[in-house]
Amino acid sequence: MNSPCELADVVRLFGNELSEKEKLKPLQIKVMYKILQCRTAVLGGHKEVCDCCGSVLYRYNSCGDRHCPQMSGC
């Protein structure tokens, strides 16, 4: 089964082409770059320990940009 497509996948595939064809503002380029880094090893990570069972989860940090769809519901 295929995993759902995320905005970072679209930026990864078409970001260079978009930035070549359109005159993007510096903020738009910065947001695209942050979206590519969001929840990857580039931004580091942290571990969460369950209070009930003690299981450990390692999670990558998000970019924190308000334009990033990964931030919704956080």
Protein backbone atom coordinates (compact mmCIF):
# COMPACT_ATOMS: atom_id res chain seq x y z
CA MET A 1 0.00 0.00 0.00
CA ASN A 2 1.30 3.46 -0.88
CA SER A 3 1.80 6.02 1.84
CA PRO A 4 -0.14 9.27 1.46
CA CYS A 5 1.53 12.06 -0.49
CA GLU A 6 2.67 14.99 1.63
CA LEU A 7 3.39 18.57 0.64
CA ALA A 8 7.11 17.92 1.18
CA ASP A 9 6.92 15.24 -1.54
CA VAL A 10 5.40 17.75 -3.97
CA VAL A 11 7.99 20.40 -3.08
CA ARG A 12 10.76 17.82 -3.50
CA LEU A 13 9.47 16.85 -6.96
CA PHE A 14 8.45 20.24 -8.34
CA GLY A 15 10.06 22.91 -6.14
CA ASN A 16 13.06 23.57 -8.38
CA GLU A 17 10.89 23.76 -11.48
CA LEU A 18 8.47 26.11 -9.74
CA SER A 19 11.20 28.41 -8.50
CA GLU A 20 12.71 28.55 -12.00
CA LYS A 21 9.41 29.37 -13.72
CA GLU A 22 7.94 31.73 -11.13
CA LYS A 23 9.52 34.65 -9.35
CA LEU A 24 9.17 33.45 -5.78
CA LYS A 25 9.60 35.84 -2.91
CA PRO A 26 12.40 35.10 -0.43
CA LEU A 27 9.82 34.15 2.21
CA GLN A 28 8.23 31.62 -0.16
CA ILE A 29 11.61 30.01 -0.81
CA LYS A 30 12.35 29.94 2.92
CA VAL A 31 9.01 28.23 3.65
CA MET A 32 9.61 25.63 0.93
CA TYR A 33 13.04 24.89 2.41
CA LYS A 34 11.57 24.53 5.92
CA ILE A 35 8.83 22.20 4.65
CA LEU A 36 11.52 19.97 3.13
CA GLN A 37 13.35 19.80 6.47
CA CYS A 38 10.27 19.33 8.65
CA ARG A 39 10.27 16.15 10.73
CA THR A 40 13.57 14.92 9.33
CA ALA A 41 16.92 14.22 10.95
CA VAL A 42 18.12 17.65 9.78
CA LEU A 43 16.13 19.32 12.57
CA GLY A 44 17.04 16.74 15.18
CA GLY A 45 14.62 14.84 17.34
CA HIS A 46 13.51 13.92 20.80
CA LYS A 47 12.29 10.88 22.66
CA GLU A 48 8.94 10.46 24.35
CA VAL A 49 8.41 7.92 27.12
CA CYS A 50 4.92 6.58 27.84
CA ASP A 51 3.97 7.16 31.48
CA CYS A 52 1.87 4.00 31.53
CA CYS A 53 4.02 1.33 29.89
CA GLY A 54 7.45 2.94 29.61
CA SER A 55 7.73 2.42 25.86
CA VAL A 56 10.00 4.89 24.10
CA LEU A 57 9.19 6.68 20.85
CA TYR A 58 11.72 8.72 18.92
CA ARG A 59 10.26 11.61 16.94
CA TYR A 60 11.82 14.15 14.60
CA ASN A 61 11.27 17.81 15.41
CA SER A 62 8.98 19.88 13.21
CA CYS A 63 10.07 23.06 11.47
CA GLY A 64 7.68 25.25 13.46
CA ASP A 65 6.68 27.32 10.44
CA ARG A 66 3.02 28.36 10.51
CA HIS A 67 2.68 27.64 6.78
CA CYS A 68 3.69 23.99 7.20
CA PRO A 69 0.80 21.51 7.11
CA GLN A 70 2.62 19.26 9.61
CA MET A 71 1.89 21.85 12.30
CA SER A 72 -1.89 21.49 12.15
CA GLY A 73 -3.31 19.94 15.28
CA CYS A 74 -0.03 20.18 17.19
